[in-house]
Amino acid sequence: MEESKPFSVGEITKVIKGLISGSPDLKNVWVRGEISNYSRPNSGHIYFSLKDETSLIRCTFFNYSNKNYTGKPLSDGKEIQVYGSVTLYEAGGSYNLNVSKVEELGQGDILLRIERLKQKLTAEGIFDPEKKRRIPSFPKTLGIATSPSGAAIEDIIKIARSRYPGINILIAPCVVQGEDAPASITAAIEELNRPEWNVDVIIAGRGGGSFEDLMAYNDESVVRAYANSKVPIISAVGHQTDVLLTDFAADFATPTPTAAAEHAVPKEEDILQFLSQLEGRLRTSLSARVSSSKDRLRLVSGKFIFREPMQLLNQRSQRLDEIGTRLQKAVSNKLNLALVRLERYETLSSKIHNILNYKKQKAEFWLSKVEDLSPVATMKRGYSIVRNQKGEIIRSPKETEPEEELQVLLSGGTIQVVRKGN
């Protein structure tokens, strides 16, 4: 069996490097451990090792990555976690972790809190795709909520003006990192939502930064401000690997402020082209409408009524005369019927009056008869009524007792008497 050609050290190192670099399990990973062998030469790069009870891995924190680090100074013995990818350092023949982000021990709890907040807001429907609004195609006024001194504001204005010089730009300056950032960002978004500004779309964000720099855009109040904005809002925070909750809450998310400006502001030539196409469709539509109206006019103008319009007027006039005559007759008949009924009512009223007079005279006659026969009338003629103490009428002397008190009723009143003798 023929032996294979031996590899040189450089060749075998390249093979190993290719295997390590091509493994997805070794890219963008978090590693926790204790710092040892810390050094920072004049180049600005930071070199250290991470170790635990069993192993050690060398780490390189290049100056273009560590310049955004704002945590406490690194030193031997400090517990940290780093984010990066594993590669092979060919000159030394050893694998190495190229670090892009460093967090002090315990910042993993921050990621956990962010994840829990994300789950909470998801359950509330804050991130529902159905709530996303379309970014207007041709905004007149662009609102920007960002730092007035950062590179982001310059990029957004530059891109917006280059694409559409006539657009109005309204800036709501705010703090984008630190303890004051959440309240400041929220206030800026609310200010741009005021109706008097007539803002059509908002770009809210900042340029890139470290994990700590971007924490304001994971704050619950800021996320809710994005979601509650009545004006369509674009999230424009410069980042690649970080997960920002404002991206989920916004109507549209971009990885950079520049991309946000490109998405929000159309090119002037695109607007002119759109207007030209709209004009063409409008002309075509109007032309078709005019042609259709002409055809209808020709069709209608050929009808008899348009050739002899007085014929229609004469027929209507005759019809009106007929209706007037019928109406006059109907009113006259109604009046005659009402007069007949009125005459009947007057005759009936006279009869009723005569009957009432007769009844009245008859009643007066019988009333006089009753009065003549009443005891009161008899007593007025000198008669009286005698009653005992029990109120019984005495008709005979035999019905009384000697010395019995009696009551005599006269026309003018009553008197008390006592019977004498047997």
Protein backbone atom coordinates (compact mmCIF):
# COMPACT_ATOMS: atom_id res chain seq x y z
CA MET A 1 0.00 0.00 0.00
CA GLU A 2 1.41 3.31 -1.06
CA GLU A 3 1.89 5.79 1.72
CA SER A 4 0.20 9.22 1.40
CA LYS A 5 2.28 12.33 1.02
CA PRO A 6 2.95 13.95 4.41
CA PHE A 7 1.39 17.34 5.27
CA SER A 8 3.52 20.29 6.14
CA VAL A 9 2.83 21.94 9.47
CA GLY A 10 1.21 24.91 7.70
CA GLU A 11 -0.96 22.62 5.58
CA ILE A 12 -2.30 20.58 8.46
CA THR A 13 -2.88 23.79 10.41
CA LYS A 14 -4.98 25.17 7.56
CA VAL A 15 -7.03 21.97 7.43
CA ILE A 16 -7.70 22.20 11.15
CA LYS A 17 -8.54 25.91 10.86
CA GLY A 18 -11.02 25.13 8.06
CA LEU A 19 -12.72 22.52 10.21
CA ILE A 20 -13.00 24.89 13.16
CA SER A 21 -14.09 27.90 11.11
CA GLY A 22 -16.67 25.85 9.22
CA SER A 23 -18.36 24.47 12.33
CA PRO A 24 -21.64 26.34 13.11
CA ASP A 25 -21.39 25.16 16.72
CA LEU A 26 -18.27 27.31 17.20
CA LYS A 27 -19.72 30.54 15.77
CA ASN A 28 -21.51 33.22 17.79
CA VAL A 29 -21.31 31.42 21.12
CA TRP A 30 -21.34 32.60 24.73
CA VAL A 31 -18.51 31.37 26.97
CA ARG A 32 -18.26 31.94 30.74
CA GLY A 33 -15.15 31.78 32.86
CA GLU A 34 -12.47 33.52 34.96
CA ILE A 35 -9.95 35.95 33.38
CA SER A 36 -6.28 35.06 33.52
CA ASN A 37 -3.16 36.24 31.67
CA TYR A 38 -4.79 39.64 30.99
CA SER A 39 -2.79 42.08 28.83
CA ARG A 40 -3.43 45.15 26.69
CA PRO A 41 -0.50 46.28 24.49
CA ASN A 42 -0.22 49.62 22.66
CA SER A 43 -2.22 48.25 19.72
CA GLY A 44 -5.35 48.52 21.87
CA HIS A 45 -6.17 44.83 21.47
CA ILE A 46 -6.99 42.95 24.68
CA TYR A 47 -5.62 39.46 25.23
CA PHE A 48 -6.65 37.13 28.04
CA SER A 49 -7.58 33.57 28.80
CA LEU A 50 -10.83 32.22 30.18
CA LYS A 51 -10.52 29.28 32.51
CA ASP A 52 -12.66 27.07 34.69
CA GLU A 53 -11.85 24.06 36.88
CA THR A 54 -10.84 21.86 33.94
CA SER A 55 -9.91 23.91 30.87
CA LEU A 56 -8.55 27.17 29.47
CA ILE A 57 -9.19 29.01 26.20
CA ARG A 58 -7.28 31.97 24.81
CA CYS A 59 -9.31 35.06 23.85
CA THR A 60 -8.67 38.10 21.69
CA PHE A 61 -10.74 41.27 22.13
CA PHE A 62 -9.72 43.44 19.15
CA ASN A 63 -9.71 47.22 19.56
CA TYR A 64 -12.53 47.80 17.03
CA SER A 65 -14.76 45.68 19.28
CA ASN A 66 -13.52 46.65 22.74
CA LYS A 67 -13.84 50.40 22.10
CA ASN A 68 -17.61 50.03 22.67
CA TYR A 69 -17.15 48.23 25.96
CA THR A 70 -18.42 50.43 28.81
CA GLY A 71 -18.38 47.96 31.68
CA LYS A 72 -15.96 47.80 34.57
CA PRO A 73 -12.27 47.38 33.65
CA LEU A 74 -11.24 43.79 32.96
CA SER A 75 -8.61 42.16 35.16
CA ASP A 76 -7.33 38.77 36.22
CA GLY A 77 -9.69 36.87 38.46
CA LYS A 78 -12.87 38.63 37.22
CA GLU A 79 -15.78 36.36 36.30
CA ILE A 80 -17.24 37.31 32.89
CA GLN A 81 -19.04 35.90 29.91
CA VAL A 82 -17.95 36.65 26.35
CA TYR A 83 -19.60 36.39 22.96
CA GLY A 84 -17.66 35.47 19.84
CA SER A 85 -16.47 32.76 17.45
CA VAL A 86 -13.73 30.15 17.75
CA THR A 87 -10.93 30.24 15.17
CA LEU A 88 -7.39 28.91 14.81
CA TYR A 89 -4.34 31.14 15.28
CA GLU A 90 -2.06 29.66 12.63
CA ALA A 91 1.16 31.26 13.85
CA GLY A 92 0.83 29.62 17.24
CA GLY A 93 -1.04 26.52 16.14
CA SER A 94 -3.67 27.01 18.85
CA TYR A 95 -7.39 27.69 18.77
CA ASN A 96 -8.55 31.07 19.88
CA LEU A 97 -11.85 32.82 20.72
CA ASN A 98 -12.31 36.12 18.87
CA VAL A 99 -14.47 38.17 21.27
CA SER A 100 -17.02 40.74 20.02
CA LYS A 101 -18.84 41.39 23.28
CA VAL A 102 -18.08 41.12 27.00
CA GLU A 103 -20.57 41.08 29.87
CA GLU A 104 -19.89 41.06 33.53
CA LEU A 105 -21.09 37.98 35.35
CA GLY A 106 -24.78 38.37 36.01
CA GLN A 107 -25.67 40.02 32.73
CA GLY A 108 -27.08 36.69 31.69
CA ASP A 109 -29.87 37.56 34.09
CA ILE A 110 -30.53 40.67 31.97
CA LEU A 111 -31.03 38.50 28.90
CA LEU A 112 -33.39 36.34 30.92
CA ARG A 113 -35.38 39.41 31.98
CA ILE A 114 -35.56 40.59 28.39
CA GLU A 115 -36.86 37.18 27.33
CA ARG A 116 -39.48 37.20 30.07
CA LEU A 117 -40.58 40.72 29.08
CA LYS A 118 -40.81 39.57 25.47
CA GLN A 119 -43.05 36.66 26.50
CA LYS A 120 -45.25 38.98 28.59
CA LEU A 121 -45.70 41.52 25.79
CA THR A 122 -46.28 38.76 23.25
CA ALA A 123 -49.10 37.41 25.43
CA GLU A 124 -50.64 40.91 25.50
CA GLY A 125 -50.59 41.05 21.71
CA ILE A 126 -48.11 43.95 21.56
CA PHE A 127 -46.13 42.23 18.81
CA ASP A 128 -49.09 40.90 16.76
CA PRO A 129 -48.41 41.23 13.01
CA GLU A 130 -52.06 42.21 12.49
CA LYS A 131 -51.38 45.46 14.37
CA LYS A 132 -48.56 46.51 12.05
CA ARG A 133 -49.47 49.49 9.87
CA ARG A 134 -48.23 50.11 6.36
CA ILE A 135 -45.50 52.72 6.08
CA PRO A 136 -46.90 55.53 3.87
CA SER A 137 -45.54 55.49 0.33
CA PHE A 138 -45.24 59.27 -0.02
CA PRO A 139 -44.81 60.93 3.38
CA LYS A 140 -44.80 64.72 3.53
CA THR A 141 -43.30 65.03 7.02
CA LEU A 142 -40.68 62.72 8.54
CA GLY A 143 -40.29 62.62 12.32
CA ILE A 144 -36.97 61.53 13.88
CA ALA A 145 -36.52 60.52 17.53
CA THR A 146 -32.79 60.14 18.24
CA SER A 147 -29.77 61.87 19.69
CA PRO A 148 -29.12 65.27 18.07
CA SER A 149 -25.37 64.75 18.28
CA GLY A 150 -24.99 61.18 17.02
CA ALA A 151 -24.05 59.95 13.57
CA ALA A 152 -27.54 58.48 13.11
CA ILE A 153 -29.26 61.86 12.74
CA GLU A 154 -26.74 62.97 10.12
CA ASP A 155 -27.18 59.73 8.14
CA ILE A 156 -30.99 59.91 8.21
CA ILE A 157 -31.14 63.57 7.12
CA LYS A 158 -28.52 63.04 4.42
CA ILE A 159 -30.31 60.05 2.93
CA ALA A 160 -33.76 61.64 3.21
CA ARG A 161 -32.68 64.88 1.53
CA SER A 162 -30.84 63.04 -1.23
CA ARG A 163 -33.88 60.93 -2.03
CA TYR A 164 -36.53 63.64 -1.75
CA PRO A 165 -35.24 67.21 -1.19
CA GLY A 166 -38.72 68.60 -0.55
CA ILE A 167 -39.59 66.43 2.45
CA ASN A 168 -40.24 68.11 5.81
CA ILE A 169 -38.10 66.79 8.67
CA LEU A 170 -39.09 67.23 12.30
CA ILE A 171 -36.53 66.21 14.96
CA ALA A 172 -37.46 65.28 18.53
CA PRO A 173 -34.03 65.07 20.27
CA CYS A 174 -33.67 62.53 23.04
CA VAL A 175 -31.10 60.69 25.16
CA VAL A 176 -30.46 57.23 23.70
CA GLN A 177 -28.43 55.52 26.44
CA GLY A 178 -28.14 55.59 30.21
CA GLU A 179 -30.69 55.87 32.99
CA ASP A 180 -32.50 58.85 31.46
CA ALA A 181 -32.86 57.25 28.03
CA PRO A 182 -36.20 55.37 28.43
CA ALA A 183 -38.14 58.42 29.60
CA SER A 184 -36.46 60.64 27.00
CA ILE A 185 -37.16 58.29 24.08
CA THR A 186 -40.77 57.81 25.18
CA ALA A 187 -41.32 61.57 25.43
CA ALA A 188 -39.82 62.13 21.96
CA ILE A 189 -42.14 59.56 20.35
CA GLU A 190 -45.17 61.05 22.14
CA GLU A 191 -44.18 64.54 20.98
CA LEU A 192 -44.01 63.42 17.34
CA ASN A 193 -47.49 61.90 17.73
CA ARG A 194 -49.07 65.29 18.52
CA PRO A 195 -51.64 66.10 15.77
CA GLU A 196 -50.41 69.64 15.17
CA TRP A 197 -47.10 68.37 13.75
CA ASN A 198 -48.81 66.28 11.01
CA VAL A 199 -46.02 63.67 11.05
CA ASP A 200 -46.60 60.87 8.53
CA VAL A 201 -43.89 58.43 9.66
CA ILE A 202 -41.42 58.27 12.56
CA ILE A 203 -37.87 56.90 12.58
CA ALA A 204 -36.82 56.11 16.17
CA GLY A 205 -33.41 54.69 17.01
CA ARG A 206 -29.69 55.29 17.17
CA GLY A 207 -26.40 54.12 15.75
CA GLY A 208 -24.71 50.93 16.90
CA GLY A 209 -23.30 50.35 20.36
CA SER A 210 -22.52 47.80 23.01
CA PHE A 211 -25.08 45.60 24.70
CA GLU A 212 -25.28 48.08 27.55
CA ASP A 213 -25.67 51.06 25.19
CA LEU A 214 -28.73 49.51 23.54
CA MET A 215 -30.53 48.48 26.74
CA ALA A 216 -32.91 51.46 26.57
CA TYR A 217 -34.52 49.85 23.51
CA ASN A 218 -35.40 46.79 25.60
CA ASP A 219 -37.09 48.90 28.29
CA GLU A 220 -40.81 48.14 28.71
CA SER A 221 -41.90 51.79 28.58
CA VAL A 222 -40.00 52.38 25.33
CA VAL A 223 -41.36 49.19 23.75
CA ARG A 224 -44.91 50.25 24.66
CA ALA A 225 -44.27 53.73 23.25
CA TYR A 226 -43.33 52.14 19.90
CA ALA A 227 -46.43 49.92 19.98
CA ASN A 228 -48.80 52.74 21.04
CA SER A 229 -47.61 55.23 18.45
CA LYS A 230 -50.54 56.39 16.33
CA VAL A 231 -48.09 57.41 13.62
CA PRO A 232 -46.41 54.50 11.77
CA ILE A 233 -42.98 53.99 13.32
CA ILE A 234 -39.75 52.45 12.05
CA SER A 235 -37.22 50.95 14.46
CA ALA A 236 -33.73 52.05 13.39
CA VAL A 237 -31.14 50.86 15.92
CA GLY A 238 -27.79 49.89 14.46
CA HIS A 239 -27.17 46.29 15.50
CA GLN A 240 -26.59 42.86 14.04
CA THR A 241 -26.71 40.16 16.71
CA ASP A 242 -28.56 41.86 19.56
CA VAL A 243 -32.26 41.18 20.06
CA LEU A 244 -34.16 44.43 20.60
CA LEU A 245 -37.81 44.34 21.65
CA THR A 246 -38.49 47.66 19.92
CA ASP A 247 -37.88 45.87 16.61
CA PHE A 248 -40.84 43.60 17.36
CA ALA A 249 -43.06 46.49 18.54
CA ALA A 250 -42.40 48.82 15.58
CA ASP A 251 -44.41 48.74 12.35
CA PHE A 252 -41.17 48.10 10.48
CA ALA A 253 -37.61 47.33 11.64
CA THR A 254 -34.30 48.05 9.92
CA PRO A 255 -30.73 47.15 11.00
CA THR A 256 -29.42 50.72 10.60
CA PRO A 257 -30.70 54.32 10.57
CA THR A 258 -29.55 54.59 6.96
CA ALA A 259 -31.74 51.66 5.95
CA ALA A 260 -34.66 53.23 7.82
CA ALA A 261 -34.33 56.49 5.87
CA GLU A 262 -34.17 54.57 2.60
CA HIS A 263 -37.34 52.68 3.49
CA ALA A 264 -39.27 55.69 4.78
CA VAL A 265 -38.46 58.26 2.09
CA PRO A 266 -39.12 57.48 -1.58
CA LYS A 267 -36.87 58.74 -4.34
CA GLU A 268 -38.07 61.88 -6.07
CA GLU A 269 -37.81 60.21 -9.47
CA ASP A 270 -39.99 57.35 -8.20
CA ILE A 271 -42.62 59.88 -7.12
CA LEU A 272 -42.51 61.61 -10.51
CA GLN A 273 -42.80 58.27 -12.27
CA PHE A 274 -45.75 57.30 -10.10
CA LEU A 275 -47.49 60.62 -10.80
CA SER A 276 -46.86 60.17 -14.51
CA GLN A 277 -48.40 56.70 -14.42
CA LEU A 278 -51.31 58.04 -12.39
CA GLU A 279 -51.84 60.81 -14.91
CA GLY A 280 -51.87 58.28 -17.74
CA ARG A 281 -54.44 56.09 -15.98
CA LEU A 282 -56.55 59.14 -15.21
CA ARG A 283 -56.47 60.31 -18.83
CA THR A 284 -57.44 56.85 -20.04
CA SER A 285 -60.26 56.64 -17.53
CA LEU A 286 -61.60 60.11 -18.40
CA SER A 287 -61.38 59.38 -22.10
CA ALA A 288 -63.38 56.18 -21.67
CA ARG A 289 -65.92 58.03 -19.53
CA VAL A 290 -66.35 60.79 -22.13
CA SER A 291 -66.73 58.25 -24.93
CA SER A 292 -69.35 56.33 -22.97
CA SER A 293 -71.25 59.54 -22.18
CA LYS A 294 -71.25 60.51 -25.85
CA ASP A 295 -72.71 57.14 -26.81
CA ARG A 296 -75.45 57.48 -24.20
CA LEU A 297 -76.20 61.03 -25.37
CA ARG A 298 -76.57 59.88 -29.00
CA LEU A 299 -78.85 57.05 -27.89
CA VAL A 300 -81.04 59.26 -25.75
CA SER A 301 -81.19 62.16 -28.19
CA GLY A 302 -82.71 59.83 -30.80
CA LYS A 303 -85.75 59.10 -28.66
CA PHE A 304 -89.16 60.64 -29.51
CA ILE A 305 -89.33 62.71 -26.35
CA PHE A 306 -86.21 64.64 -27.24
CA ARG A 307 -87.39 65.20 -30.80
CA GLU A 308 -90.90 66.35 -29.74
CA PRO A 309 -90.51 67.59 -26.14
CA MET A 310 -93.78 69.62 -26.27
CA GLN A 311 -95.76 66.43 -26.78
CA LEU A 312 -94.70 65.24 -23.36
CA LEU A 313 -95.45 68.65 -21.84
CA ASN A 314 -98.93 68.77 -23.44
CA GLN A 315 -99.79 65.31 -22.11
CA ARG A 316 -98.67 66.28 -18.65
CA SER A 317 -100.68 69.52 -18.83
CA GLN A 318 -103.87 67.68 -19.83
CA ARG A 319 -103.33 65.17 -17.10
CA LEU A 320 -102.94 68.00 -14.59
CA ASP A 321 -106.26 69.58 -15.73
CA GLU A 322 -108.06 66.25 -15.33
CA ILE A 323 -106.70 65.78 -11.83
CA GLY A 324 -107.71 69.37 -10.89
CA THR A 325 -111.29 68.85 -12.13
CA ARG A 326 -111.62 65.56 -10.25
CA LEU A 327 -110.21 67.14 -7.12
CA GLN A 328 -112.65 70.07 -7.35
CA LYS A 329 -115.64 67.70 -7.71
CA ALA A 330 -114.48 65.60 -4.80
CA VAL A 331 -114.13 68.65 -2.58
CA SER A 332 -117.62 69.92 -3.61
CA ASN A 333 -119.19 66.53 -2.83
CA LYS A 334 -117.53 66.46 0.54
CA LEU A 335 -118.85 69.95 1.37
CA ASN A 336 -122.43 69.09 0.32
CA LEU A 337 -122.39 65.93 2.42
CA ALA A 338 -121.12 67.92 5.37
CA LEU A 339 -123.97 70.49 4.98
CA VAL A 340 -126.62 67.74 4.91
CA ARG A 341 -125.19 66.22 8.07
CA LEU A 342 -125.10 69.66 9.72
CA GLU A 343 -128.81 70.25 8.93
CA ARG A 344 -129.63 66.86 10.44
CA TYR A 345 -127.72 67.74 13.57
CA GLU A 346 -129.61 71.09 13.91
CA THR A 347 -133.05 69.36 13.61
CA LEU A 348 -132.01 66.75 16.14
CA SER A 349 -130.84 69.47 18.53
CA SER A 350 -134.26 71.19 18.38
CA LYS A 351 -136.06 67.95 19.14
CA ILE A 352 -133.77 67.22 22.06
CA HIS A 353 -134.39 70.75 23.43
CA ASN A 354 -138.19 70.25 23.28
CA ILE A 355 -137.94 66.88 25.05
CA LEU A 356 -135.81 68.36 27.81
CA ASN A 357 -138.33 71.23 28.38
CA TYR A 358 -141.20 68.72 28.61
CA LYS A 359 -139.28 66.58 31.08
CA LYS A 360 -138.44 69.68 33.12
CA GLN A 361 -142.08 70.79 33.34
CA LYS A 362 -143.19 67.31 34.33
CA ALA A 363 -140.51 67.13 37.02
CA GLU A 364 -141.57 70.52 38.42
CA PHE A 365 -145.22 69.36 38.56
CA TRP A 366 -144.46 66.21 40.52
CA LEU A 367 -142.04 68.12 42.76
CA SER A 368 -144.88 70.47 43.75
CA LYS A 369 -147.14 67.49 44.45
CA VAL A 370 -144.49 65.90 46.66
CA GLU A 371 -143.98 69.12 48.56
CA ASP A 372 -147.76 69.47 49.16
CA LEU A 373 -147.91 65.98 50.62
CA SER A 374 -144.77 66.22 52.71
CA PRO A 375 -144.99 66.47 56.55
CA VAL A 376 -143.10 69.73 56.45
CA ALA A 377 -145.79 71.36 54.30
CA THR A 378 -148.51 69.98 56.63
CA MET A 379 -146.75 71.41 59.70
CA LYS A 380 -146.55 74.82 58.00
CA ARG A 381 -150.35 74.79 57.97
CA GLY A 382 -150.44 74.45 61.86
CA TYR A 383 -150.11 70.77 62.37
CA SER A 384 -147.46 69.11 64.63
CA ILE A 385 -145.92 65.70 65.30
CA VAL A 386 -145.60 64.24 68.82
CA ARG A 387 -142.87 61.69 69.67
CA ASN A 388 -141.93 59.90 72.92
CA GLN A 389 -138.44 59.65 74.36
CA LYS A 390 -137.76 56.67 72.10
CA GLY A 391 -138.49 58.78 69.06
CA GLU A 392 -141.71 56.90 68.25
CA ILE A 393 -144.58 58.96 66.75
CA ILE A 394 -147.63 59.21 69.04
CA ARG A 395 -150.92 58.75 67.21
CA SER A 396 -153.27 58.36 70.21
CA PRO A 397 -153.35 59.47 73.89
CA LYS A 398 -153.48 55.82 74.77
CA GLU A 399 -149.93 55.42 73.56
CA THR A 400 -148.60 57.70 76.34
CA GLU A 401 -148.19 57.42 80.10
CA PRO A 402 -149.06 60.03 82.76
CA GLU A 403 -146.21 62.41 83.49
CA GLU A 404 -144.36 61.13 80.39
CA GLU A 405 -142.12 63.63 78.65
CA LEU A 406 -142.97 64.12 75.01
CA GLN A 407 -141.42 66.00 72.13
CA VAL A 408 -143.57 68.16 69.85
CA LEU A 409 -142.22 68.88 66.33
CA LEU A 410 -143.52 72.16 64.89
CA SER A 411 -142.76 73.96 61.67
CA GLY A 412 -140.52 76.40 63.48
CA GLY A 413 -138.73 73.91 65.79
CA THR A 414 -139.39 71.48 68.69
CA ILE A 415 -140.70 71.79 72.27
CA GLN A 416 -140.70 69.45 75.30
CA VAL A 417 -144.05 68.80 77.13
CA VAL A 418 -145.23 66.59 79.99
CA ARG A 419 -148.53 64.78 79.84
CA LYS A 420 -150.81 65.59 82.81
CA GLY A 421 -153.54 63.44 84.29
CA ASN A 422 -154.75 59.98 83.39
